[in-house]
C-alpha atoms as a PDB file:
ATOM      1  CA  MET A   1      -0.224   0.264  -0.264  1.00  0.00           C
ATOM      2  CA  ALA A   2       1.691   3.419  -1.426  1.00  0.00           C
ATOM      3  CA  LEU A   3       1.346   5.423   1.930  1.00  0.00           C
ATOM      4  CA  ASP A   4       1.690   9.696   2.146  1.00  0.00           C
ATOM      5  CA  GLU A   5       4.706   9.948   4.636  1.00  0.00           C
ATOM      6  CA  ALA A   6       3.676  14.161   4.949  1.00  0.00           C
ATOM      7  CA  ALA A   7      -0.067  13.574   5.571  1.00  0.00           C
ATOM      8  CA  LEU A   8       0.735  10.485   8.476  1.00  0.00           C
ATOM      9  CA  ASP A   9       3.343  13.028   9.552  1.00  0.00           C
ATOM     10  CA  MET A  10       0.393  15.803   9.503  1.00  0.00           C
ATOM     11  CA  LEU A  11      -1.983  12.826  11.216  1.00  0.00           C
ATOM     12  CA  GLY A  12       0.638  13.016  14.184  1.00  0.00           C
ATOM     13  CA  LEU A  13       1.396   8.900  12.893  1.00  0.00           C
ATOM     14  CA  ALA A  14       5.018   9.045  11.506  1.00  0.00           C
ATOM     15  CA  PRO A  15       6.626   7.871  14.698  1.00  0.00           C
ATOM     16  CA  LEU A  16       4.489   5.266  14.496  1.00  0.00           C
ATOM     17  CA  TRP A  17       4.556   3.365  11.676  1.00  0.00           C
ATOM     18  CA  ALA A  18       7.570   2.875   9.745  1.00  0.00           C
ATOM     19  CA  ARG A  19       8.008   0.496   6.306  1.00  0.00           C
ATOM     20  CA  ARG A  20       8.958  -2.654   6.390  1.00  0.00           C
ATOM     21  CA  GLY A  21      11.300  -4.057   3.579  1.00  0.00           C
ATOM     22  CA  GLY A  22       8.235  -5.029   0.934  1.00  0.00           C
ATOM     23  CA  GLY A  23       6.951  -1.703   1.112  1.00  0.00           C
ATOM     24  CA  THR A  24       4.148  -2.215   3.944  1.00  0.00           C
ATOM     25  CA  ALA A  25       3.561   0.008   6.759  1.00  0.00           C
ATOM     26  CA  SER A  26       3.881  -1.737  10.525  1.00  0.00           C
ATOM     27  CA  ARG A  27       2.910  -0.568  13.635  1.00  0.00           C
ATOM     28  CA  ALA A  28       5.053   0.418  16.266  1.00  0.00           C
ATOM     29  CA  GLU A  29       3.248   0.197  19.969  1.00  0.00           C
ATOM     30  CA  PRO A  30       1.096   2.680  20.104  1.00  0.00           C
ATOM     31  CA  PRO A  31      -0.832   4.119  23.002  1.00  0.00           C
ATOM     32  CA  ALA A  32      -2.831   3.051  26.023  1.00  0.00           C
ATOM     33  CA  PRO A  33      -5.554   1.889  24.668  1.00  0.00           C
ATOM     34  CA  THR A  34      -8.279   3.950  25.644  1.00  0.00           C
ATOM     35  CA  GLU A  35     -11.698   1.934  24.212  1.00  0.00           C
ATOM     36  CA  HIS A  36     -14.401   2.907  26.079  1.00  0.00           C
ATOM     37  CA  GLU A  37     -13.670   6.553  26.034  1.00  0.00           C
ATOM     38  CA  ALA A  38     -14.967   6.923  22.284  1.00  0.00           C
ATOM     39  CA  ASP A  39     -17.868   5.509  23.335  1.00  0.00           C
ATOM     40  CA  ALA A  40     -18.339   7.752  25.485  1.00  0.00           C
ATOM     41  CA  LEU A  41     -17.450  10.881  24.643  1.00  0.00           C
ATOM     42  CA  LEU A  42     -19.658  10.602  21.663  1.00  0.00           C
ATOM     43  CA  GLU A  43     -22.828   9.887  23.844  1.00  0.00           C
ATOM     44  CA  ALA A  44     -21.909  13.208  25.663  1.00  0.00           C
ATOM     45  CA  PHE A  45     -21.649  15.356  22.390  1.00  0.00           C
ATOM     46  CA  GLY A  46     -24.529  17.569  21.195  1.00  0.00           C
ATOM     47  CA  GLU A  47     -27.542  15.304  23.542  1.00  0.00           C
ATOM     48  CA  VAL A  48     -30.555  17.566  23.719  1.00  0.00           C
ATOM     49  CA  ALA A  49     -34.458  17.337  24.586  1.00  0.00           C
ATOM     50  CA  VAL A  50     -35.848  17.132  21.218  1.00  0.00           C
ATOM     51  CA  GLN A  51     -39.862  18.138  21.310  1.00  0.00           C
ATOM     52  CA  PRO A  52     -42.524  15.746  19.676  1.00  0.00           C
ATOM     53  CA  SER A  53     -43.731  16.608  15.985  1.00  0.00           C
ATOM     54  CA  GLN A  54     -46.553  15.591  13.829  1.00  0.00           C
ATOM     55  CA  PRO A  55     -46.175  12.479  12.410  1.00  0.00           C
ATOM     56  CA  THR A  56     -44.763  13.143   8.336  1.00  0.00           C
ATOM     57  CA  PRO A  57     -45.362  11.127   5.057  1.00  0.00           C
ATOM     58  CA  THR A  58     -42.625   8.535   4.923  1.00  0.00           C
ATOM     59  CA  VAL A  59     -40.698   8.462   1.638  1.00  0.00           C
ATOM     60  CA  GLU A  60     -41.157   6.324  -0.943  1.00  0.00           C
ATOM     61  CA  ARG A  61     -38.455   4.100  -1.696  1.00  0.00           C
ATOM     62  CA  ALA A  62     -39.565   2.645  -5.295  1.00  0.00           C
ATOM     63  CA  ASP A  63     -40.166   6.499  -6.364  1.00  0.00           C
ATOM     64  CA  VAL A  64     -36.710   7.028  -5.383  1.00  0.00           C
ATOM     65  CA  ALA A  65     -34.763   3.905  -6.473  1.00  0.00           C
ATOM     66  CA  ALA A  66     -35.741   5.304  -9.748  1.00  0.00           C
ATOM     67  CA  LEU A  67     -33.837   8.679 -10.131  1.00  0.00           C
ATOM     68  CA  ASP A  68     -30.751   9.455 -11.387  1.00  0.00           C
ATOM     69  CA  TRP A  69     -28.046  11.407 -10.287  1.00  0.00           C
ATOM     70  CA  GLU A  70     -29.297  15.042 -11.358  1.00  0.00           C
ATOM     71  CA  ALA A  71     -33.365  13.455 -10.334  1.00  0.00           C
ATOM     72  CA  LEU A  72     -32.314  12.029  -6.602  1.00  0.00           C
ATOM     73  CA  GLU A  73     -30.189  15.785  -5.835  1.00  0.00           C
ATOM     74  CA  ALA A  74     -33.492  17.722  -6.694  1.00  0.00           C
ATOM     75  CA  ARG A  75     -35.467  15.603  -4.539  1.00  0.00           C
ATOM     76  CA  VAL A  76     -33.327  15.608  -1.398  1.00  0.00           C
ATOM     77  CA  ALA A  77     -33.097  19.441  -2.048  1.00  0.00           C
ATOM     78  CA  GLY A  78     -36.595  19.744  -2.016  1.00  0.00           C
ATOM     79  CA  CYS A  79     -37.156  17.463   1.007  1.00  0.00           C
ATOM     80  CA  GLU A  80     -40.003  18.299   3.648  1.00  0.00           C
ATOM     81  CA  GLN A  81     -40.130  14.599   5.001  1.00  0.00           C
ATOM     82  CA  CYS A  82     -39.176  15.224   8.913  1.00  0.00           C
ATOM     83  CA  ARG A  83     -38.443  18.485  10.998  1.00  0.00           C
ATOM     84  CA  LEU A  84     -34.590  18.672  10.360  1.00  0.00           C
ATOM     85  CA  CYS A  85     -36.185  20.950   6.934  1.00  0.00           C
ATOM     86  CA  GLU A  86     -37.630  23.174   9.447  1.00  0.00           C
ATOM     87  CA  LYS A  87     -34.299  24.865  10.374  1.00  0.00           C
ATOM     88  CA  ARG A  88     -31.881  23.660   8.109  1.00  0.00           C
ATOM     89  CA  THR A  89     -30.231  26.441   6.033  1.00  0.00           C
ATOM     90  CA  ARG A  90     -29.028  24.154   2.929  1.00  0.00           C
ATOM     91  CA  THR A  91     -29.859  20.477   2.237  1.00  0.00           C
ATOM     92  CA  VAL A  92     -25.946  18.743   1.979  1.00  0.00           C
ATOM     93  CA  PHE A  93     -26.495  16.039  -1.297  1.00  0.00           C
ATOM     94  CA  GLY A  94     -22.490  14.442  -0.804  1.00  0.00           C
ATOM     95  CA  VAL A  95     -19.712  15.654  -2.528  1.00  0.00           C
ATOM     96  CA  GLY A  96     -17.224  13.524  -4.612  1.00  0.00           C
ATOM     97  CA  ASP A  97     -16.683  11.393  -7.820  1.00  0.00           C
ATOM     98  CA  ARG A  98     -19.731  10.142  -9.009  1.00  0.00           C
ATOM     99  CA  GLU A  99     -18.148   7.075 -10.462  1.00  0.00           C
ATOM    100  CA  ALA A 100     -15.398   6.087  -7.313  1.00  0.00           C
ATOM    101  CA  ASP A 101     -14.838   2.898  -6.127  1.00  0.00           C
ATOM    102  CA  TRP A 102     -14.462   4.530  -2.432  1.00  0.00           C
ATOM    103  CA  MET A 103     -17.540   5.859  -0.238  1.00  0.00           C
ATOM    104  CA  LEU A 104     -17.063   7.343   3.097  1.00  0.00           C
ATOM    105  CA  ILE A 105     -20.455   8.117   5.517  1.00  0.00           C
ATOM    106  CA  GLY A 106     -20.782   9.698   8.201  1.00  0.00           C
ATOM    107  CA  GLU A 107     -23.249  10.972  10.311  1.00  0.00           C
ATOM    108  CA  ALA A 108     -25.393  14.679  10.080  1.00  0.00           C
ATOM    109  CA  PRO A 109     -24.303  18.214   8.629  1.00  0.00           C
ATOM    110  CA  GLY A 110     -22.999  20.510  11.247  1.00  0.00           C
ATOM    111  CA  GLU A 111     -23.216  24.360  11.186  1.00  0.00           C
ATOM    112  CA  ASN A 112     -20.120  24.473   8.810  1.00  0.00           C
ATOM    113  CA  GLU A 113     -22.102  21.683   6.083  1.00  0.00           C
ATOM    114  CA  ASP A 114     -25.323  23.254   6.956  1.00  0.00           C
ATOM    115  CA  LYS A 115     -24.007  26.639   5.471  1.00  0.00           C
ATOM    116  CA  GLN A 116     -22.140  25.427   2.415  1.00  0.00           C
ATOM    117  CA  GLY A 117     -24.059  22.617   1.541  1.00  0.00           C
ATOM    118  CA  GLU A 118     -20.638  20.032   1.215  1.00  0.00           C
ATOM    119  CA  PRO A 119     -20.083  16.957   3.577  1.00  0.00           C
ATOM    120  CA  PHE A 120     -17.067  17.671   6.493  1.00  0.00           C
ATOM    121  CA  VAL A 121     -16.031  20.813   5.916  1.00  0.00           C
ATOM    122  CA  GLY A 122     -14.042  22.501   8.283  1.00  0.00           C
ATOM    123  CA  GLN A 123     -11.298  21.249  11.466  1.00  0.00           C
ATOM    124  CA  ALA A 124     -13.328  17.749  10.747  1.00  0.00           C
ATOM    125  CA  GLY A 125     -12.702  18.122   6.866  1.00  0.00           C
ATOM    126  CA  LYS A 126      -9.170  18.768   7.407  1.00  0.00           C
ATOM    127  CA  LEU A 127      -8.556  15.855   9.039  1.00  0.00           C
ATOM    128  CA  LEU A 128     -10.695  13.796   7.157  1.00  0.00           C
ATOM    129  CA  ASP A 129      -9.056  14.503   3.604  1.00  0.00           C
ATOM    130  CA  SER A 130      -5.189  13.951   5.718  1.00  0.00           C
ATOM    131  CA  MET A 131      -6.285  11.266   6.354  1.00  0.00           C
ATOM    132  CA  LEU A 132      -7.246  10.117   2.391  1.00  0.00           C
ATOM    133  CA  ARG A 133      -3.845  11.697   1.511  1.00  0.00           C
ATOM    134  CA  ALA A 134      -2.074   9.427   3.849  1.00  0.00           C
ATOM    135  CA  LEU A 135      -3.991   6.696   1.838  1.00  0.00           C
ATOM    136  CA  THR A 136      -3.066   8.557  -1.673  1.00  0.00           C
ATOM    137  CA  LEU A 137      -6.674   9.039  -2.252  1.00  0.00           C
ATOM    138  CA  ALA A 138      -7.943  12.806  -2.512  1.00  0.00           C
ATOM    139  CA  ARG A 139     -11.754  14.032  -2.279  1.00  0.00           C
ATOM    140  CA  GLY A 140     -13.571  14.316  -5.453  1.00  0.00           C
ATOM    141  CA  GLU A 141     -11.033  11.280  -7.201  1.00  0.00           C
ATOM    142  CA  ASN A 142     -11.792   7.650  -6.667  1.00  0.00           C
ATOM    143  CA  VAL A 143     -13.855   8.873  -3.630  1.00  0.00           C
ATOM    144  CA  TYR A 144     -17.199  10.343  -2.732  1.00  0.00           C
ATOM    145  CA  ILE A 145     -18.513  11.334   0.612  1.00  0.00           C
ATOM    146  CA  ALA A 146     -22.323  11.684   2.161  1.00  0.00           C
ATOM    147  CA  ASN A 147     -24.145  11.453   5.214  1.00  0.00           C
ATOM    148  CA  VAL A 148     -26.810   9.469   6.805  1.00  0.00           C
ATOM    149  CA  VAL A 149     -29.379  12.467   6.998  1.00  0.00           C
ATOM    150  CA  LYS A 150     -28.624  15.356   4.548  1.00  0.00           C
ATOM    151  CA  CYS A 151     -30.107  18.031   7.349  1.00  0.00           C
ATOM    152  CA  ARG A 152     -28.150  19.465  10.222  1.00  0.00           C
ATOM    153  CA  PRO A 153     -29.851  18.504  13.234  1.00  0.00           C
ATOM    154  CA  PRO A 154     -30.725  21.510  15.682  1.00  0.00           C
ATOM    155  CA  GLY A 155     -27.639  21.583  17.459  1.00  0.00           C
ATOM    156  CA  ASN A 156     -25.633  19.060  15.790  1.00  0.00           C
ATOM    157  CA  ARG A 157     -27.447  17.011  17.997  1.00  0.00           C
ATOM    158  CA  ASN A 158     -28.076  13.104  17.131  1.00  0.00           C
ATOM    159  CA  PRO A 159     -30.542  12.563  14.219  1.00  0.00           C
ATOM    160  CA  GLU A 160     -33.317  10.285  15.900  1.00  0.00           C
ATOM    161  CA  PRO A 161     -34.540   7.036  14.439  1.00  0.00           C
ATOM    162  CA  ASP A 162     -37.350   9.020  12.112  1.00  0.00           C
ATOM    163  CA  GLU A 163     -35.320  10.977  11.170  1.00  0.00           C
ATOM    164  CA  VAL A 164     -32.563   8.668   9.729  1.00  0.00           C
ATOM    165  CA  ALA A 165     -35.467   6.404   8.146  1.00  0.00           C
ATOM    166  CA  ARG A 166     -36.958   8.851   6.348  1.00  0.00           C
ATOM    167  CA  CYS A 167     -33.408   9.967   4.282  1.00  0.00           C
ATOM    168  CA  GLU A 168     -32.330   5.920   3.869  1.00  0.00           C
ATOM    169  CA  PRO A 169     -33.884   6.183   1.265  1.00  0.00           C
ATOM    170  CA  TYR A 170     -31.390   8.398  -0.532  1.00  0.00           C
ATOM    171  CA  LEU A 171     -28.379   7.171   0.843  1.00  0.00           C
ATOM    172  CA  GLN A 172     -29.828   3.562  -0.357  1.00  0.00           C
ATOM    173  CA  ARG A 173     -30.551   5.336  -4.009  1.00  0.00           C
ATOM    174  CA  GLN A 174     -26.649   7.293  -4.080  1.00  0.00           C
ATOM    175  CA  VAL A 175     -25.139   3.559  -3.091  1.00  0.00           C
ATOM    176  CA  ALA A 176     -27.324   1.730  -5.954  1.00  0.00           C
ATOM    177  CA  LEU A 177     -26.291   4.488  -8.727  1.00  0.00           C
ATOM    178  CA  LEU A 178     -22.302   4.970  -7.230  1.00  0.00           C
ATOM    179  CA  LYS A 179     -21.942   0.813  -6.510  1.00  0.00           C
ATOM    180  CA  PRO A 180     -18.430   1.467  -4.886  1.00  0.00           C
ATOM    181  CA  LYS A 181     -16.428  -0.864  -3.537  1.00  0.00           C
ATOM    182  CA  LEU A 182     -15.993  -0.082  -0.183  1.00  0.00           C
ATOM    183  CA  ILE A 183     -18.139   1.868   1.433  1.00  0.00           C
ATOM    184  CA  VAL A 184     -15.958   3.267   5.212  1.00  0.00           C
ATOM    185  CA  ALA A 185     -18.798   4.254   8.204  1.00  0.00           C
ATOM    186  CA  LEU A 186     -16.876   7.872   9.785  1.00  0.00           C
ATOM    187  CA  GLY A 187     -18.540   6.683  13.967  1.00  0.00           C
ATOM    188  CA  ARG A 188     -20.708   6.221  15.429  1.00  0.00           C
ATOM    189  CA  VAL A 189     -23.301   7.042  15.211  1.00  0.00           C
ATOM    190  CA  ALA A 190     -23.217   6.087  11.225  1.00  0.00           C
ATOM    191  CA  ALA A 191     -22.040   2.350  11.307  1.00  0.00           C
ATOM    192  CA  GLN A 192     -24.558   2.027  13.811  1.00  0.00           C
ATOM    193  CA  ASN A 193     -27.340   2.983  11.586  1.00  0.00           C
ATOM    194  CA  LEU A 194     -25.896   1.126   8.271  1.00  0.00           C
ATOM    195  CA  LEU A 195     -25.454  -1.921   9.787  1.00  0.00           C
ATOM    196  CA  LYS A 196     -28.818  -1.857  12.192  1.00  0.00           C
ATOM    197  CA  THR A 197     -27.083  -2.324  15.485  1.00  0.00           C
ATOM    198  CA  GLU A 198     -26.333  -0.725  18.554  1.00  0.00           C
ATOM    199  CA  ALA A 199     -23.037  -2.287  19.486  1.00  0.00           C
ATOM    200  CA  SER A 200     -20.227   0.252  20.446  1.00  0.00           C
ATOM    201  CA  ILE A 201     -17.478   1.399  18.364  1.00  0.00           C
ATOM    202  CA  SER A 202     -15.163  -0.722  19.802  1.00  0.00           C
ATOM    203  CA  SER A 203     -16.859  -3.543  19.180  1.00  0.00           C
ATOM    204  CA  LEU A 204     -17.471  -2.900  15.756  1.00  0.00           C
ATOM    205  CA  ARG A 205     -14.202  -1.840  14.723  1.00  0.00           C
ATOM    206  CA  GLY A 206     -11.706  -4.028  13.597  1.00  0.00           C
ATOM    207  CA  ARG A 207     -13.951  -6.274  10.860  1.00  0.00           C
ATOM    208  CA  VAL A 208     -15.953  -5.988   7.072  1.00  0.00           C
ATOM    209  CA  HIS A 209     -19.547  -5.989   8.040  1.00  0.00           C
ATOM    210  CA  ARG A 210     -21.543  -5.230   5.295  1.00  0.00           C
ATOM    211  CA  TYR A 211     -24.484  -2.221   3.582  1.00  0.00           C
ATOM    212  CA  GLU A 212     -26.564  -3.190   0.527  1.00  0.00           C
ATOM    213  CA  GLY A 213     -23.950  -5.708  -0.551  1.00  0.00           C
ATOM    214  CA  VAL A 214     -21.178  -3.276  -0.175  1.00  0.00           C
ATOM    215  CA  PRO A 215     -18.124  -4.064   2.333  1.00  0.00           C
ATOM    216  CA  VAL A 216     -18.272  -1.219   5.184  1.00  0.00           C
ATOM    217  CA  VAL A 217     -15.129  -0.750   7.837  1.00  0.00           C
ATOM    218  CA  VAL A 218     -16.318   1.304  10.858  1.00  0.00           C
ATOM    219  CA  THR A 219     -14.012   4.262  12.335  1.00  0.00           C
ATOM    220  CA  TYR A 220     -13.692   6.786  14.449  1.00  0.00           C
ATOM    221  CA  HIS A 221     -15.768  10.256  13.005  1.00  0.00           C
ATOM    222  CA  PRO A 222     -12.885  12.836  12.229  1.00  0.00           C
ATOM    223  CA  ALA A 223     -14.705  15.472  14.838  1.00  0.00           C
ATOM    224  CA  TYR A 224     -13.720  13.287  17.465  1.00  0.00           C
ATOM    225  CA  LEU A 225     -10.492  12.267  16.280  1.00  0.00           C
ATOM    226  CA  LEU A 226      -9.737  16.052  16.861  1.00  0.00           C
ATOM    227  CA  ARG A 227     -10.563  15.288  20.819  1.00  0.00           C
ATOM    228  CA  SER A 228      -8.860  12.654  21.046  1.00  0.00           C
ATOM    229  CA  LEU A 229      -5.459  11.926  19.746  1.00  0.00           C
ATOM    230  CA  PRO A 230      -4.208   8.999  20.889  1.00  0.00           C
ATOM    231  CA  ASP A 231      -7.282   7.240  19.069  1.00  0.00           C
ATOM    232  CA  LYS A 232      -5.561   8.330  15.786  1.00  0.00           C
ATOM    233  CA  ALA A 233      -3.071   5.304  15.608  1.00  0.00           C
ATOM    234  CA  LYS A 234      -6.299   3.380  15.735  1.00  0.00           C
ATOM    235  CA  ALA A 235      -8.155   4.800  12.826  1.00  0.00           C
ATOM    236  CA  TRP A 236      -5.218   4.304  11.164  1.00  0.00           C
ATOM    237  CA  ALA A 237      -5.087   1.413  11.705  1.00  0.00           C
ATOM    238  CA  ASP A 238      -8.891   0.848  10.284  1.00  0.00           C
ATOM    239  CA  LEU A 239      -8.325   2.825   7.047  1.00  0.00           C
ATOM    240  CA  CYS A 240      -5.108   0.170   6.677  1.00  0.00           C
ATOM    241  CA  LEU A 241      -7.732  -2.045   6.868  1.00  0.00           C
ATOM    242  CA  ALA A 242      -9.551  -0.423   4.932  1.00  0.00           C
ATOM    243  CA  ASP A 243      -7.389  -0.408   1.595  1.00  0.00           C
ATOM    244  CA  ASP A 244      -6.782  -3.830   2.161  1.00  0.00           C
ATOM    245  CA  THR A 245     -10.730  -4.747   1.435  1.00  0.00           C
ATOM    246  CA  TYR A 246     -10.672  -2.768  -1.608  1.00  0.00           C
ATOM    247  CA  ARG A 247      -7.610  -4.401  -2.857  1.00  0.00           C
ATOM    248  CA  GLN A 248      -9.098  -7.590  -1.741  1.00  0.00           C
ATOM    249  CA  ALA A 249     -12.240  -6.545  -4.050  1.00  0.00           C
ATOM    250  CA  LEU A 250     -10.538  -5.592  -6.742  1.00  0.00           C
ATOM    251  CA  SER A 251      -8.541  -8.812  -6.987  1.00  0.00           C
ATOM    252  CA  GLU A 252     -12.049 -10.812  -6.540  1.00  0.00           C
ATOM    253  CA  ARG A 253     -13.742  -8.691  -9.208  1.00  0.00           C
ATOM    254  CA  ALA A 254     -10.862  -9.390 -11.691  1.00  0.00           C
ATOM    255  CA  GLY A 255     -10.972 -12.818 -11.135  1.00  0.00           C
ATOM    256  CA  GLU A 256     -14.804 -12.964 -12.241  1.00  0.00           C
END
């Protein structure tokens, strides 16, 4: 696996990883693990009470499944299927190469994303770009980035289950149109909603899952990594697993 050592240095991982003779990366002894810290902090972020609202009609999955990229983006831009439409500035459809092999899926837009209409901007976005560069990838070049929900939850709280359910047909259609060879789930909320589980992120990391038939690797959200620097080494291990899984998928398709 080709690595961008400058990007690794920006991530603070250069001292932890060294090349072997074969050109692969090996990890030195990482900092003391903090397996439960991630879950505790992620659960603490953005927890606010949500007032109940009147039920709204669900998105017709069969209808959405017939849309092309342009029609799907237009449908999302005008969506009023849940309460999140009430306070959004812009919908955040997704960004990147629409023929990409890699798809990165986060939780929901934040304040900056709501203003700009693009996922993962600001400091978390810069860190994500560095993580991609470490794998010699780049935003928009064989990478597509989206979120589980397309509108910002007030106060950056976690999206509610009904909000995720109403947005899910849009994400499913994005996956169907993109046909990625690999999905990277960024953070606990994205991973749990994609995989339909309540398992902790620490228990979901380190193995390959499936969403709509596509391999899924789970790692920490970049915003969390900004607050927990020791876990960058774990995130890098996740990215290495993602790269290995991607290359395996390429080999399998080449052999068909």
